[in-house]
């Protein structure tokens, strides 16, 4: 049940960010839910592989390269979901930063598992 609430809260964050960021487009609420599911799957499967492959760069940049990995995950979600569009890398970077901020604020409302 908590997973479903997290997906729905992420979808709400995606819709809110799409309204305010000029380079992000979401066709509808169902698309936002699909984007949230795809982001959860990509963060579960692809992100650990990218982190392992880029570990030396991540250590060298003191963890700041993880922001680039998050932007890559957003661009991958853009490629997989029709109806979701991100105009470029820097918009994806800003979107991932703001999405992480919104998720932490919204997930704090859920409390502990």
C-alpha atoms as a PDB file:
ATOM      1  CA  UNK A   1       0.000   0.000   0.000  1.00  0.00           C
ATOM      2  CA  UNK A   2       2.847   2.348   0.814  1.00  0.00           C
ATOM      3  CA  UNK A   3       4.391   1.668  -2.613  1.00  0.00           C
ATOM      4  CA  UNK A   4       1.170   2.713  -4.364  1.00  0.00           C
ATOM      5  CA  UNK A   5       1.030   5.922  -2.334  1.00  0.00           C
ATOM      6  CA  UNK A   6       4.642   6.678  -3.224  1.00  0.00           C
ATOM      7  CA  UNK A   7       3.908   6.150  -6.924  1.00  0.00           C
ATOM      8  CA  UNK A   8       0.866   8.432  -6.733  1.00  0.00           C
ATOM      9  CA  UNK A   9       2.788  11.125  -4.849  1.00  0.00           C
ATOM     10  CA  UNK A  10       5.590  10.934  -7.403  1.00  0.00           C
ATOM     11  CA  UNK A  11       3.000  11.300 -10.167  1.00  0.00           C
ATOM     12  CA  UNK A  12       1.615  14.398  -8.432  1.00  0.00           C
ATOM     13  CA  UNK A  13       5.137  15.821  -8.214  1.00  0.00           C
ATOM     14  CA  UNK A  14       5.708  15.109 -11.917  1.00  0.00           C
ATOM     15  CA  UNK A  15       2.498  16.941 -12.851  1.00  0.00           C
ATOM     16  CA  UNK A  16       3.341  19.929 -10.645  1.00  0.00           C
ATOM     17  CA  UNK A  17       6.863  20.188 -12.028  1.00  0.00           C
ATOM     18  CA  UNK A  18       5.601  19.871 -15.606  1.00  0.00           C
ATOM     19  CA  UNK A  19       3.335  22.870 -14.995  1.00  0.00           C
ATOM     20  CA  UNK A  20       6.193  25.064 -13.787  1.00  0.00           C
ATOM     21  CA  UNK A  21       9.254  23.933 -15.746  1.00  0.00           C
ATOM     22  CA  UNK A  22       9.184  25.147 -19.348  1.00  0.00           C
ATOM     23  CA  UNK A  23      11.027  22.173 -20.871  1.00  0.00           C
ATOM     24  CA  UNK A  24       8.987  19.374 -19.284  1.00  0.00           C
ATOM     25  CA  UNK A  25       5.708  18.163 -20.771  1.00  0.00           C
ATOM     26  CA  UNK A  26       3.254  15.559 -19.483  1.00  0.00           C
ATOM     27  CA  UNK A  27       0.119  14.802 -21.497  1.00  0.00           C
ATOM     28  CA  UNK A  28      -2.096  13.767 -18.601  1.00  0.00           C
ATOM     29  CA  UNK A  29      -2.417  12.262 -15.178  1.00  0.00           C
ATOM     30  CA  UNK A  30      -2.247   8.679 -16.441  1.00  0.00           C
ATOM     31  CA  UNK A  31       0.994   9.528 -18.215  1.00  0.00           C
ATOM     32  CA  UNK A  32       2.342  10.959 -14.959  1.00  0.00           C
ATOM     33  CA  UNK A  33       1.510   7.705 -13.157  1.00  0.00           C
ATOM     34  CA  UNK A  34       3.262   5.737 -15.917  1.00  0.00           C
ATOM     35  CA  UNK A  35       6.280   8.055 -15.620  1.00  0.00           C
ATOM     36  CA  UNK A  36       6.351   7.444 -11.854  1.00  0.00           C
ATOM     37  CA  UNK A  37       6.268   3.666 -12.383  1.00  0.00           C
ATOM     38  CA  UNK A  38       8.981   3.814 -15.051  1.00  0.00           C
ATOM     39  CA  UNK A  39      11.149   6.005 -12.809  1.00  0.00           C
ATOM     40  CA  UNK A  40      10.729   3.517  -9.961  1.00  0.00           C
ATOM     41  CA  UNK A  41      11.750   0.623 -12.231  1.00  0.00           C
ATOM     42  CA  UNK A  42      14.711   2.536 -13.668  1.00  0.00           C
ATOM     43  CA  UNK A  43      15.866   3.555 -10.197  1.00  0.00           C
ATOM     44  CA  UNK A  44      15.599  -0.060  -9.095  1.00  0.00           C
ATOM     45  CA  UNK A  45      17.330  -1.724 -12.055  1.00  0.00           C
ATOM     46  CA  UNK A  46      19.418   0.747 -14.054  1.00  0.00           C
ATOM     47  CA  UNK A  47      20.647   3.222 -11.455  1.00  0.00           C
ATOM     48  CA  UNK A  48      22.716   0.707  -9.414  1.00  0.00           C
ATOM     49  CA  UNK A  49      24.454  -0.454 -12.597  1.00  0.00           C
ATOM     50  CA  UNK A  50      25.257   3.135 -13.592  1.00  0.00           C
ATOM     51  CA  UNK A  51      26.517   3.897 -10.091  1.00  0.00           C
ATOM     52  CA  UNK A  52      28.855   0.887 -10.163  1.00  0.00           C
ATOM     53  CA  UNK A  53      30.207   1.741 -13.614  1.00  0.00           C
ATOM     54  CA  UNK A  54      30.787   5.379 -12.710  1.00  0.00           C
ATOM     55  CA  UNK A  55      32.091   4.803  -9.192  1.00  0.00           C
ATOM     56  CA  UNK A  56      35.565   6.315  -9.832  1.00  0.00           C
ATOM     57  CA  UNK A  57      34.050   9.500 -11.276  1.00  0.00           C
ATOM     58  CA  UNK A  58      31.521   9.635  -8.440  1.00  0.00           C
ATOM     59  CA  UNK A  59      34.284   9.346  -5.842  1.00  0.00           C
ATOM     60  CA  UNK A  60      36.400  11.920  -7.658  1.00  0.00           C
ATOM     61  CA  UNK A  61      33.529  14.431  -7.711  1.00  0.00           C
ATOM     62  CA  UNK A  62      32.566  13.639  -4.109  1.00  0.00           C
ATOM     63  CA  UNK A  63      29.187  12.269  -5.137  1.00  0.00           C
ATOM     64  CA  UNK A  64      28.104  15.125  -7.402  1.00  0.00           C
ATOM     65  CA  UNK A  65      28.145  12.826 -10.426  1.00  0.00           C
ATOM     66  CA  UNK A  66      25.070  11.131  -8.946  1.00  0.00           C
ATOM     67  CA  UNK A  67      23.144  14.213 -10.075  1.00  0.00           C
ATOM     68  CA  UNK A  68      24.200  13.426 -13.642  1.00  0.00           C
ATOM     69  CA  UNK A  69      23.055   9.832 -13.193  1.00  0.00           C
ATOM     70  CA  UNK A  70      19.659  11.073 -11.984  1.00  0.00           C
ATOM     71  CA  UNK A  71      19.383  13.284 -15.079  1.00  0.00           C
ATOM     72  CA  UNK A  72      20.230  10.271 -17.266  1.00  0.00           C
ATOM     73  CA  UNK A  73      17.455   8.302 -15.557  1.00  0.00           C
ATOM     74  CA  UNK A  74      15.009  11.133 -16.355  1.00  0.00           C
ATOM     75  CA  UNK A  75      16.140  11.152 -20.003  1.00  0.00           C
ATOM     76  CA  UNK A  76      15.690   7.365 -20.155  1.00  0.00           C
ATOM     77  CA  UNK A  77      12.156   7.749 -18.819  1.00  0.00           C
ATOM     78  CA  UNK A  78      11.598  10.361 -21.529  1.00  0.00           C
ATOM     79  CA  UNK A  79      12.694   7.819 -24.128  1.00  0.00           C
ATOM     80  CA  UNK A  80      10.471   5.048 -22.757  1.00  0.00           C
ATOM     81  CA  UNK A  81       7.230   6.930 -22.086  1.00  0.00           C
ATOM     82  CA  UNK A  82       5.367   8.586 -24.905  1.00  0.00           C
ATOM     83  CA  UNK A  83       3.528  11.634 -23.671  1.00  0.00           C
ATOM     84  CA  UNK A  84       6.398  12.645 -21.395  1.00  0.00           C
ATOM     85  CA  UNK A  85       9.006  14.997 -22.755  1.00  0.00           C
ATOM     86  CA  UNK A  86      12.125  16.664 -21.419  1.00  0.00           C
ATOM     87  CA  UNK A  87      13.765  19.180 -23.743  1.00  0.00           C
ATOM     88  CA  UNK A  88      17.401  18.728 -22.759  1.00  0.00           C
ATOM     89  CA  UNK A  89      20.017  17.565 -20.301  1.00  0.00           C
ATOM     90  CA  UNK A  90      20.027  20.657 -18.084  1.00  0.00           C
ATOM     91  CA  UNK A  91      16.237  20.651 -17.835  1.00  0.00           C
ATOM     92  CA  UNK A  92      16.446  16.952 -16.898  1.00  0.00           C
ATOM     93  CA  UNK A  93      19.040  17.827 -14.248  1.00  0.00           C
ATOM     94  CA  UNK A  94      16.831  20.570 -12.806  1.00  0.00           C
ATOM     95  CA  UNK A  95      13.770  18.294 -13.029  1.00  0.00           C
ATOM     96  CA  UNK A  96      15.571  15.504 -11.160  1.00  0.00           C
ATOM     97  CA  UNK A  97      16.717  17.893  -8.426  1.00  0.00           C
ATOM     98  CA  UNK A  98      13.256  19.351  -7.940  1.00  0.00           C
ATOM     99  CA  UNK A  99      11.604  15.924  -8.161  1.00  0.00           C
ATOM    100  CA  UNK A 100      13.897  14.628  -5.419  1.00  0.00           C
ATOM    101  CA  UNK A 101      13.030  17.644  -3.290  1.00  0.00           C
ATOM    102  CA  UNK A 102       9.290  17.210  -3.830  1.00  0.00           C
ATOM    103  CA  UNK A 103       9.517  13.467  -3.184  1.00  0.00           C
ATOM    104  CA  UNK A 104      11.327  13.979   0.097  1.00  0.00           C
ATOM    105  CA  UNK A 105       8.728  16.529   1.195  1.00  0.00           C
ATOM    106  CA  UNK A 106       5.753  14.416   0.121  1.00  0.00           C
ATOM    107  CA  UNK A 107       7.181  11.118   1.426  1.00  0.00           C
ATOM    108  CA  UNK A 108       7.763  12.733   4.815  1.00  0.00           C
ATOM    109  CA  UNK A 109       3.982  13.081   5.014  1.00  0.00           C
ATOM    110  CA  UNK A 110       3.646   9.301   4.781  1.00  0.00           C
ATOM    111  CA  UNK A 111       5.754   8.680   7.857  1.00  0.00           C
ATOM    112  CA  UNK A 112       7.623   5.467   8.490  1.00  0.00           C
ATOM    113  CA  UNK A 113       6.899   2.185   6.696  1.00  0.00           C
END
